[in-house]
Protein backbone atom coordinates (compact mmCIF):
# COMPACT_ATOMS: atom_id res chain seq x y z
CA UNK A 1 11.70 -12.78 -82.93
CA UNK A 2 9.59 -11.44 -80.13
CA UNK A 3 11.05 -10.37 -76.81
CA UNK A 4 9.12 -13.15 -75.07
CA UNK A 5 10.72 -15.76 -77.31
CA UNK A 6 14.29 -14.56 -76.85
CA UNK A 7 14.07 -13.84 -73.11
CA UNK A 8 14.59 -17.50 -72.18
CA UNK A 9 17.83 -17.79 -74.17
CA UNK A 10 20.66 -15.61 -72.86
CA UNK A 11 22.52 -15.43 -76.17
CA UNK A 12 19.37 -14.37 -78.04
CA UNK A 13 18.33 -11.91 -75.35
CA UNK A 14 21.70 -10.16 -75.43
CA UNK A 15 21.78 -10.13 -79.24
CA UNK A 16 18.27 -8.63 -79.27
CA UNK A 17 19.25 -5.97 -76.71
CA UNK A 18 22.43 -5.03 -78.59
CA UNK A 19 20.63 -4.77 -81.92
CA UNK A 20 17.59 -2.85 -80.68
CA UNK A 21 19.70 -0.26 -78.86
CA UNK A 22 21.90 0.06 -81.95
CA UNK A 23 25.03 -0.92 -80.06
CA UNK A 24 25.55 -3.44 -82.87
CA UNK A 25 24.25 -3.84 -86.39
CA UNK A 26 24.15 -6.61 -88.96
CA UNK A 27 25.93 -6.01 -92.25
CA UNK A 28 23.25 -5.64 -94.95
CA UNK A 29 25.40 -7.60 -97.42
CA UNK A 30 26.75 -10.26 -95.06
CA UNK A 31 24.03 -11.20 -92.54
CA UNK A 32 26.42 -13.44 -90.61
CA UNK A 33 28.62 -10.43 -89.70
CA UNK A 34 27.77 -8.37 -86.63
CA UNK A 35 29.30 -4.91 -86.44
CA UNK A 36 30.04 -3.10 -83.18
CA UNK A 37 29.05 0.53 -83.62
CA UNK A 38 31.24 1.84 -80.79
CA UNK A 39 28.58 3.80 -78.93
CA UNK A 40 29.24 3.40 -75.19
CA UNK A 41 25.83 4.78 -74.24
CA UNK A 42 24.08 2.28 -76.51
CA UNK A 43 26.09 -0.58 -75.03
CA UNK A 44 25.14 0.50 -71.51
CA UNK A 45 21.52 0.80 -72.56
CA UNK A 46 21.73 -2.72 -74.05
CA UNK A 47 22.92 -4.06 -70.70
CA UNK A 48 19.96 -2.50 -68.90
CA UNK A 49 17.53 -3.70 -71.56
CA UNK A 50 18.86 -7.27 -71.35
CA UNK A 51 18.84 -7.11 -67.55
CA UNK A 52 15.17 -6.12 -67.58
CA UNK A 53 14.09 -8.98 -69.85
CA UNK A 54 12.17 -11.47 -67.76
CA UNK A 55 12.27 -15.17 -68.54
CA UNK A 56 9.04 -17.11 -68.81
CA UNK A 57 9.54 -18.46 -65.27
CA UNK A 58 9.56 -14.88 -63.91
CA UNK A 59 13.27 -14.68 -63.15
CA UNK A 60 15.96 -12.48 -64.64
CA UNK A 61 19.56 -13.11 -65.64
CA UNK A 62 22.46 -13.35 -63.19
CA UNK A 63 24.57 -10.16 -63.40
CA UNK A 64 27.89 -11.97 -63.90
CA UNK A 65 26.55 -14.27 -66.61
CA UNK A 66 24.83 -11.38 -68.38
CA UNK A 67 27.99 -9.22 -68.35
CA UNK A 68 30.08 -12.11 -69.66
CA UNK A 69 27.69 -12.73 -72.56
CA UNK A 70 27.53 -9.04 -73.50
CA UNK A 71 31.33 -8.82 -73.38
CA UNK A 72 31.64 -11.96 -75.52
CA UNK A 73 29.23 -10.72 -78.18
CA UNK A 74 30.85 -7.29 -78.33
CA UNK A 75 34.32 -8.86 -78.57
CA UNK A 76 33.15 -11.15 -81.40
CA UNK A 77 31.67 -8.25 -83.39
CA UNK A 78 33.69 -6.45 -86.05
CA UNK A 79 34.74 -2.91 -85.16
CA UNK A 80 32.68 -0.32 -87.08
CA UNK A 81 33.01 -1.88 -90.54
CA UNK A 82 32.32 -5.26 -92.07
CA UNK A 83 35.67 -6.96 -92.75
CA UNK A 84 34.16 -8.76 -95.77
CA UNK A 85 32.99 -5.48 -97.35
CA UNK A 86 36.40 -3.86 -96.86
CA UNK A 87 38.39 -6.62 -98.54
């Protein structure tokens, strides 16, 4: 997915930013599982990357909405290991 394609969808833009900064990763054996790496610097970088994505209409994302979506995705991610691989 290109950056231009995901920039108009907040959920996709945040997912792209988290993955490309390596704040999160996808389990290679369970592609539906997102893993939170636990790198604070990468998470901060993901916020700035998502904030800088520009939608096709030339606007950016509202700070509050962006922070809420990043927090939601990080909270939904498994901590450091895939729970399906561990069990």
